[in-house]
Amino acid sequence: MMTPAGAPVLAVAQVGSAARRALCCSHRGSVLAVFEHSCYVALGARELICLGGPGLGAGPLNVLLASAADASRLLSRIAPFLLIGVACFFLLSRNHIGTKRPAVVGNAAFAALACLPIGFYDGFFGPGTGSMYAAAFVLLLGRELRSATADTKILNTAGSVVATAILLPSGLIVWPAALAMALGGIIGGQIGARLALRWGAPLIRRMLVLVSIALAIRLILQQYN
């Protein structure tokens, strides 16, 4: 790939933290991968460049990263429809979410059919994962919505722990912001869990519908901005 005009070409010794600082401080891009002689950086949603010596932007790795970028764009276009589908499911199934029903599949099949693809979506893209897990629990395992929501928290936590462990060595985590948001999440999680226990499935259903629609609108607007 060609390096856009004006983009810095760094010496091998500078590639890595220096490139990350230069780009993140200017809010121009995100580092995708750092190698011995090059650093691949995403500038916006449609531009991928290689910082390093001449000719390092060519080769099979560009094909792989371009495929990953295409997959990300594809998920960003599919995700709003998935979220709208989840909202419609909960909106139209008010008579079935408050009671336990027979499971459609077993636990092993549920792990393969629901947890694996949703977990991939969560690790690769993310928005609305909790709503998708909750819908899968209700639809495939026949769970009551309050119980499904509780199990969803376990799966979300597991995914977050794994993602944190993978991202931790990269140095990309902005700790002040992350810790502040974590504190907000802890406080909000306690309030939400208490309300869910008190008001049960009707409140959870309304919140899932509203949040899913709001996320879908946000993702659609992001594609046109």
C-alpha atoms as a PDB file:
ATOM      1  CA  MET A   1       0.000   0.000   0.000  1.00  0.00           C
ATOM      2  CA  MET A   2       1.150   3.515  -0.710  1.00  0.00           C
ATOM      3  CA  THR A   3       1.831   5.827   2.210  1.00  0.00           C
ATOM      4  CA  PRO A   4      -0.370   8.950   1.917  1.00  0.00           C
ATOM      5  CA  ALA A   5       1.383  12.221   1.240  1.00  0.00           C
ATOM      6  CA  GLY A   6       2.582  13.871   4.419  1.00  0.00           C
ATOM      7  CA  ALA A   7       2.522  10.705   6.543  1.00  0.00           C
ATOM      8  CA  PRO A   8       5.733  10.263   8.549  1.00  0.00           C
ATOM      9  CA  VAL A   9       8.121   7.511   7.501  1.00  0.00           C
ATOM     10  CA  LEU A  10       9.889   6.438  10.676  1.00  0.00           C
ATOM     11  CA  ALA A  11      13.223   4.714  11.100  1.00  0.00           C
ATOM     12  CA  VAL A  12      13.099   1.091  12.244  1.00  0.00           C
ATOM     13  CA  ALA A  13      14.252   2.039  15.757  1.00  0.00           C
ATOM     14  CA  GLN A  14      11.383   4.491  16.078  1.00  0.00           C
ATOM     15  CA  VAL A  15       8.612   2.180  14.925  1.00  0.00           C
ATOM     16  CA  GLY A  16       6.335   1.158  17.775  1.00  0.00           C
ATOM     17  CA  SER A  17       5.801   3.433  20.762  1.00  0.00           C
ATOM     18  CA  ALA A  18       6.943   6.549  18.891  1.00  0.00           C
ATOM     19  CA  ALA A  19       4.528   5.869  16.046  1.00  0.00           C
ATOM     20  CA  ARG A  20       1.750   5.159  18.494  1.00  0.00           C
ATOM     21  CA  ARG A  21       2.381   8.396  20.410  1.00  0.00           C
ATOM     22  CA  ALA A  22       2.645  10.496  17.260  1.00  0.00           C
ATOM     23  CA  LEU A  23      -0.596   9.216  15.788  1.00  0.00           C
ATOM     24  CA  CYS A  24      -2.674   8.945  18.964  1.00  0.00           C
ATOM     25  CA  CYS A  25      -1.687  12.419  20.160  1.00  0.00           C
ATOM     26  CA  SER A  26      -2.796  13.904  16.848  1.00  0.00           C
ATOM     27  CA  HIS A  27      -5.998  11.803  16.857  1.00  0.00           C
ATOM     28  CA  ARG A  28      -5.215  10.717  13.330  1.00  0.00           C
ATOM     29  CA  GLY A  29      -5.113   6.953  13.533  1.00  0.00           C
ATOM     30  CA  SER A  30      -4.899   3.701  15.447  1.00  0.00           C
ATOM     31  CA  VAL A  31      -1.973   1.292  15.409  1.00  0.00           C
ATOM     32  CA  LEU A  32      -3.106  -2.127  14.161  1.00  0.00           C
ATOM     33  CA  ALA A  33       0.117  -4.108  14.319  1.00  0.00           C
ATOM     34  CA  VAL A  34       3.789  -3.495  15.107  1.00  0.00           C
ATOM     35  CA  PHE A  35       6.507  -5.682  13.591  1.00  0.00           C
ATOM     36  CA  GLU A  36      10.296  -5.651  13.578  1.00  0.00           C
ATOM     37  CA  HIS A  37      10.591  -3.387  10.556  1.00  0.00           C
ATOM     38  CA  SER A  38       7.174  -1.812  10.121  1.00  0.00           C
ATOM     39  CA  CYS A  39       4.061  -0.508  11.808  1.00  0.00           C
ATOM     40  CA  TYR A  40       0.586  -0.829  10.254  1.00  0.00           C
ATOM     41  CA  VAL A  41      -1.770   2.013  11.068  1.00  0.00           C
ATOM     42  CA  ALA A  42      -5.444   2.654  10.300  1.00  0.00           C
ATOM     43  CA  LEU A  43      -6.233   6.259   9.413  1.00  0.00           C
ATOM     44  CA  GLY A  44      -9.984   6.550   9.635  1.00  0.00           C
ATOM     45  CA  ALA A  45     -12.270   3.762   8.481  1.00  0.00           C
ATOM     46  CA  ARG A  46     -10.982   3.313   4.917  1.00  0.00           C
ATOM     47  CA  GLU A  47      -7.251   4.022   4.964  1.00  0.00           C
ATOM     48  CA  LEU A  48      -4.471   1.642   5.989  1.00  0.00           C
ATOM     49  CA  ILE A  49      -0.810   2.618   5.777  1.00  0.00           C
ATOM     50  CA  CYS A  50       2.537   1.089   6.640  1.00  0.00           C
ATOM     51  CA  LEU A  51       5.143   3.180   8.476  1.00  0.00           C
ATOM     52  CA  GLY A  52       8.692   1.948   7.975  1.00  0.00           C
ATOM     53  CA  GLY A  53      11.332   1.524   5.309  1.00  0.00           C
ATOM     54  CA  PRO A  54      10.609   1.654   1.579  1.00  0.00           C
ATOM     55  CA  GLY A  55       8.706  -1.319   0.212  1.00  0.00           C
ATOM     56  CA  LEU A  56       7.534  -2.596   3.596  1.00  0.00           C
ATOM     57  CA  GLY A  57       3.925  -1.846   2.759  1.00  0.00           C
ATOM     58  CA  ALA A  58       3.692  -4.653   0.228  1.00  0.00           C
ATOM     59  CA  GLY A  59       3.205  -8.376   0.609  1.00  0.00           C
ATOM     60  CA  PRO A  60       0.728 -10.949   1.964  1.00  0.00           C
ATOM     61  CA  LEU A  61       0.305  -9.127   5.282  1.00  0.00           C
ATOM     62  CA  ASN A  62      -1.407  -6.248   3.499  1.00  0.00           C
ATOM     63  CA  VAL A  63      -3.921  -8.695   2.057  1.00  0.00           C
ATOM     64  CA  LEU A  64      -4.614 -10.073   5.548  1.00  0.00           C
ATOM     65  CA  LEU A  65      -5.013  -6.637   7.132  1.00  0.00           C
ATOM     66  CA  ALA A  66      -7.134  -5.410   4.241  1.00  0.00           C
ATOM     67  CA  SER A  67      -9.387  -8.459   4.730  1.00  0.00           C
ATOM     68  CA  ALA A  68      -9.668  -7.622   8.433  1.00  0.00           C
ATOM     69  CA  ALA A  69     -10.587  -4.038   7.565  1.00  0.00           C
ATOM     70  CA  ASP A  70     -13.211  -5.312   5.109  1.00  0.00           C
ATOM     71  CA  ALA A  71     -14.615  -7.617   7.808  1.00  0.00           C
ATOM     72  CA  SER A  72     -14.826  -4.711  10.238  1.00  0.00           C
ATOM     73  CA  ARG A  73     -16.690  -2.591   7.698  1.00  0.00           C
ATOM     74  CA  LEU A  74     -19.014  -5.502   6.932  1.00  0.00           C
ATOM     75  CA  LEU A  75     -19.801  -6.002  10.636  1.00  0.00           C
ATOM     76  CA  SER A  76     -20.414  -2.279  11.061  1.00  0.00           C
ATOM     77  CA  ARG A  77     -23.043  -2.505   8.323  1.00  0.00           C
ATOM     78  CA  ILE A  78     -24.645  -5.726   9.582  1.00  0.00           C
ATOM     79  CA  ALA A  79     -24.660  -4.825  13.290  1.00  0.00           C
ATOM     80  CA  PRO A  80     -27.522  -2.261  13.124  1.00  0.00           C
ATOM     81  CA  PHE A  81     -29.797  -4.860  11.508  1.00  0.00           C
ATOM     82  CA  LEU A  82     -28.838  -7.444  14.135  1.00  0.00           C
ATOM     83  CA  LEU A  83     -29.659  -4.974  16.900  1.00  0.00           C
ATOM     84  CA  ILE A  84     -32.952  -3.983  15.295  1.00  0.00           C
ATOM     85  CA  GLY A  85     -33.766  -7.704  15.035  1.00  0.00           C
ATOM     86  CA  VAL A  86     -33.025  -8.147  18.752  1.00  0.00           C
ATOM     87  CA  ALA A  87     -35.233  -5.143  19.581  1.00  0.00           C
ATOM     88  CA  CYS A  88     -38.096  -6.544  17.474  1.00  0.00           C
ATOM     89  CA  PHE A  89     -37.724  -9.963  19.126  1.00  0.00           C
ATOM     90  CA  PHE A  90     -38.107  -8.529  22.631  1.00  0.00           C
ATOM     91  CA  LEU A  91     -40.792  -6.111  21.521  1.00  0.00           C
ATOM     92  CA  LEU A  92     -42.958  -8.885  20.063  1.00  0.00           C
ATOM     93  CA  SER A  93     -42.294 -11.608  22.647  1.00  0.00           C
ATOM     94  CA  ARG A  94     -43.625  -9.952  25.792  1.00  0.00           C
ATOM     95  CA  ASN A  95     -45.750 -13.021  26.617  1.00  0.00           C
ATOM     96  CA  HIS A  96     -42.833 -15.487  26.505  1.00  0.00           C
ATOM     97  CA  ILE A  97     -39.962 -13.813  28.310  1.00  0.00           C
ATOM     98  CA  GLY A  98     -41.285 -13.973  31.865  1.00  0.00           C
ATOM     99  CA  THR A  99     -41.464 -17.755  32.157  1.00  0.00           C
ATOM    100  CA  LYS A 100     -39.048 -20.599  31.524  1.00  0.00           C
ATOM    101  CA  ARG A 101     -39.686 -22.700  28.396  1.00  0.00           C
ATOM    102  CA  PRO A 102     -38.192 -25.943  27.049  1.00  0.00           C
ATOM    103  CA  ALA A 103     -34.743 -25.496  25.520  1.00  0.00           C
ATOM    104  CA  VAL A 104     -34.415 -25.769  21.749  1.00  0.00           C
ATOM    105  CA  VAL A 105     -30.766 -26.888  21.910  1.00  0.00           C
ATOM    106  CA  GLY A 106     -28.402 -28.315  24.524  1.00  0.00           C
ATOM    107  CA  ASN A 107     -25.606 -26.445  26.253  1.00  0.00           C
ATOM    108  CA  ALA A 108     -22.893 -27.700  23.882  1.00  0.00           C
ATOM    109  CA  ALA A 109     -24.900 -26.699  20.818  1.00  0.00           C
ATOM    110  CA  PHE A 110     -25.670 -23.343  22.414  1.00  0.00           C
ATOM    111  CA  ALA A 111     -21.956 -22.730  22.947  1.00  0.00           C
ATOM    112  CA  ALA A 112     -21.256 -23.486  19.273  1.00  0.00           C
ATOM    113  CA  LEU A 113     -24.281 -21.775  17.729  1.00  0.00           C
ATOM    114  CA  ALA A 114     -24.548 -18.693  19.942  1.00  0.00           C
ATOM    115  CA  CYS A 115     -21.555 -18.141  22.232  1.00  0.00           C
ATOM    116  CA  LEU A 116     -18.890 -18.693  19.570  1.00  0.00           C
ATOM    117  CA  PRO A 117     -20.240 -16.286  16.903  1.00  0.00           C
ATOM    118  CA  ILE A 118     -21.384 -13.673  19.434  1.00  0.00           C
ATOM    119  CA  GLY A 119     -18.028 -13.932  21.212  1.00  0.00           C
ATOM    120  CA  PHE A 120     -16.253 -13.406  17.874  1.00  0.00           C
ATOM    121  CA  TYR A 121     -18.467 -10.383  17.209  1.00  0.00           C
ATOM    122  CA  ASP A 122     -17.716  -9.070  20.698  1.00  0.00           C
ATOM    123  CA  GLY A 123     -13.952  -9.403  20.290  1.00  0.00           C
ATOM    124  CA  PHE A 124     -13.881  -8.010  16.767  1.00  0.00           C
ATOM    125  CA  PHE A 125     -16.536  -5.293  16.933  1.00  0.00           C
ATOM    126  CA  GLY A 126     -18.570  -5.236  20.162  1.00  0.00           C
ATOM    127  CA  PRO A 127     -21.663  -2.989  20.380  1.00  0.00           C
ATOM    128  CA  GLY A 128     -24.858  -4.720  21.536  1.00  0.00           C
ATOM    129  CA  THR A 129     -23.234  -7.991  22.591  1.00  0.00           C
ATOM    130  CA  GLY A 130     -25.216  -8.202  25.826  1.00  0.00           C
ATOM    131  CA  SER A 131     -28.532  -7.793  24.009  1.00  0.00           C
ATOM    132  CA  MET A 132     -27.584 -10.559  21.568  1.00  0.00           C
ATOM    133  CA  TYR A 133     -26.583 -12.934  24.374  1.00  0.00           C
ATOM    134  CA  ALA A 134     -29.854 -12.263  26.204  1.00  0.00           C
ATOM    135  CA  ALA A 135     -31.898 -12.930  23.061  1.00  0.00           C
ATOM    136  CA  ALA A 136     -29.973 -16.160  22.435  1.00  0.00           C
ATOM    137  CA  PHE A 137     -30.593 -17.403  25.994  1.00  0.00           C
ATOM    138  CA  VAL A 138     -34.324 -16.736  25.714  1.00  0.00           C
ATOM    139  CA  LEU A 139     -34.717 -18.035  22.152  1.00  0.00           C
ATOM    140  CA  LEU A 140     -32.494 -21.131  22.242  1.00  0.00           C
ATOM    141  CA  LEU A 141     -32.397 -22.173  25.908  1.00  0.00           C
ATOM    142  CA  GLY A 142     -35.897 -21.029  26.847  1.00  0.00           C
ATOM    143  CA  ARG A 143     -34.598 -18.985  29.760  1.00  0.00           C
ATOM    144  CA  GLU A 144     -36.657 -16.461  31.669  1.00  0.00           C
ATOM    145  CA  LEU A 145     -35.361 -12.991  30.808  1.00  0.00           C
ATOM    146  CA  ARG A 146     -34.119 -12.096  34.278  1.00  0.00           C
ATOM    147  CA  SER A 147     -32.108 -15.333  34.479  1.00  0.00           C
ATOM    148  CA  ALA A 148     -30.873 -14.826  30.917  1.00  0.00           C
ATOM    149  CA  THR A 149     -29.664 -11.336  31.824  1.00  0.00           C
ATOM    150  CA  ALA A 150     -27.723 -12.702  34.814  1.00  0.00           C
ATOM    151  CA  ASP A 151     -25.978 -15.326  32.679  1.00  0.00           C
ATOM    152  CA  THR A 152     -25.254 -12.681  30.047  1.00  0.00           C
ATOM    153  CA  LYS A 153     -23.180 -10.776  32.608  1.00  0.00           C
ATOM    154  CA  ILE A 154     -20.973 -13.855  33.119  1.00  0.00           C
ATOM    155  CA  LEU A 155     -20.321 -14.158  29.387  1.00  0.00           C
ATOM    156  CA  ASN A 156     -19.653 -10.424  29.012  1.00  0.00           C
ATOM    157  CA  THR A 157     -17.227 -10.519  31.926  1.00  0.00           C
ATOM    158  CA  ALA A 158     -15.386 -13.515  30.461  1.00  0.00           C
ATOM    159  CA  GLY A 159     -15.033 -11.761  27.117  1.00  0.00           C
ATOM    160  CA  SER A 160     -13.808  -8.572  28.764  1.00  0.00           C
ATOM    161  CA  VAL A 161     -11.200 -10.428  30.824  1.00  0.00           C
ATOM    162  CA  VAL A 162      -9.826 -12.207  27.741  1.00  0.00           C
ATOM    163  CA  ALA A 163      -9.764  -8.992  25.684  1.00  0.00           C
ATOM    164  CA  THR A 164      -7.977  -7.145  28.499  1.00  0.00           C
ATOM    165  CA  ALA A 165      -5.366  -9.894  28.800  1.00  0.00           C
ATOM    166  CA  ILE A 166      -4.683  -9.724  25.055  1.00  0.00           C
ATOM    167  CA  LEU A 167      -4.570  -5.914  24.873  1.00  0.00           C
ATOM    168  CA  LEU A 168      -2.618  -5.358  28.086  1.00  0.00           C
ATOM    169  CA  PRO A 169       0.881  -5.975  26.614  1.00  0.00           C
ATOM    170  CA  SER A 170       0.169  -3.705  23.639  1.00  0.00           C
ATOM    171  CA  GLY A 171       0.207  -0.513  25.703  1.00  0.00           C
ATOM    172  CA  LEU A 172      -2.926   0.715  23.918  1.00  0.00           C
ATOM    173  CA  ILE A 173      -5.075   0.892  27.072  1.00  0.00           C
ATOM    174  CA  VAL A 174      -5.556   4.480  28.267  1.00  0.00           C
ATOM    175  CA  TRP A 175      -5.631   3.728  31.998  1.00  0.00           C
ATOM    176  CA  PRO A 176      -7.118   6.971  33.409  1.00  0.00           C
ATOM    177  CA  ALA A 177     -10.090   6.792  31.042  1.00  0.00           C
ATOM    178  CA  ALA A 178     -10.426   3.022  31.418  1.00  0.00           C
ATOM    179  CA  LEU A 179     -10.430   3.153  35.224  1.00  0.00           C
ATOM    180  CA  ALA A 180     -12.905   6.042  35.271  1.00  0.00           C
ATOM    181  CA  MET A 181     -15.257   4.143  32.968  1.00  0.00           C
ATOM    182  CA  ALA A 182     -14.792   0.962  35.009  1.00  0.00           C
ATOM    183  CA  LEU A 183     -15.834   2.835  38.160  1.00  0.00           C
ATOM    184  CA  GLY A 184     -18.882   4.179  36.358  1.00  0.00           C
ATOM    185  CA  GLY A 185     -19.661   0.672  35.121  1.00  0.00           C
ATOM    186  CA  ILE A 186     -19.442  -0.754  38.641  1.00  0.00           C
ATOM    187  CA  ILE A 187     -21.810   1.864  40.044  1.00  0.00           C
ATOM    188  CA  GLY A 188     -24.209   1.582  37.110  1.00  0.00           C
ATOM    189  CA  GLY A 189     -24.062  -2.216  37.215  1.00  0.00           C
ATOM    190  CA  GLN A 190     -25.111  -2.271  40.866  1.00  0.00           C
ATOM    191  CA  ILE A 191     -28.030   0.084  40.211  1.00  0.00           C
ATOM    192  CA  GLY A 192     -29.129  -1.865  37.140  1.00  0.00           C
ATOM    193  CA  ALA A 193     -28.872  -5.260  38.851  1.00  0.00           C
ATOM    194  CA  ARG A 194     -30.965  -4.074  41.809  1.00  0.00           C
ATOM    195  CA  LEU A 195     -33.619  -2.644  39.488  1.00  0.00           C
ATOM    196  CA  ALA A 196     -33.652  -5.890  37.483  1.00  0.00           C
ATOM    197  CA  LEU A 197     -34.193  -7.940  40.645  1.00  0.00           C
ATOM    198  CA  ARG A 198     -36.953  -5.620  41.804  1.00  0.00           C
ATOM    199  CA  TRP A 199     -38.872  -5.049  38.574  1.00  0.00           C
ATOM    200  CA  GLY A 200     -37.936  -8.203  36.675  1.00  0.00           C
ATOM    201  CA  ALA A 201     -38.514  -9.072  33.021  1.00  0.00           C
ATOM    202  CA  PRO A 202     -40.830  -6.157  32.036  1.00  0.00           C
ATOM    203  CA  LEU A 203     -38.202  -3.510  32.883  1.00  0.00           C
ATOM    204  CA  ILE A 204     -35.337  -5.543  31.364  1.00  0.00           C
ATOM    205  CA  ARG A 205     -37.352  -6.027  28.171  1.00  0.00           C
ATOM    206  CA  ARG A 206     -38.017  -2.298  27.791  1.00  0.00           C
ATOM    207  CA  MET A 207     -34.384  -1.410  28.417  1.00  0.00           C
ATOM    208  CA  LEU A 208     -33.140  -4.016  25.921  1.00  0.00           C
ATOM    209  CA  VAL A 209     -35.468  -2.644  23.249  1.00  0.00           C
ATOM    210  CA  LEU A 210     -34.444   0.974  23.889  1.00  0.00           C
ATOM    211  CA  VAL A 211     -30.709   0.268  24.110  1.00  0.00           C
ATOM    212  CA  SER A 212     -30.698  -1.954  21.005  1.00  0.00           C
ATOM    213  CA  ILE A 213     -32.508   0.681  18.932  1.00  0.00           C
ATOM    214  CA  ALA A 214     -30.262   3.469  20.258  1.00  0.00           C
ATOM    215  CA  LEU A 215     -27.110   1.498  19.406  1.00  0.00           C
ATOM    216  CA  ALA A 216     -28.449   0.682  15.936  1.00  0.00           C
ATOM    217  CA  ILE A 217     -29.146   4.379  15.250  1.00  0.00           C
ATOM    218  CA  ARG A 218     -25.693   5.344  16.528  1.00  0.00           C
ATOM    219  CA  LEU A 219     -23.947   2.788  14.285  1.00  0.00           C
ATOM    220  CA  ILE A 220     -25.970   3.892  11.252  1.00  0.00           C
ATOM    221  CA  LEU A 221     -25.119   7.554  11.890  1.00  0.00           C
ATOM    222  CA  GLN A 222     -21.425   6.690  12.288  1.00  0.00           C
ATOM    223  CA  GLN A 223     -21.373   5.161   8.814  1.00  0.00           C
ATOM    224  CA  TYR A 224     -22.542   8.427   7.270  1.00  0.00           C
ATOM    225  CA  ASN A 225     -20.356  10.799   9.290  1.00  0.00           C
END
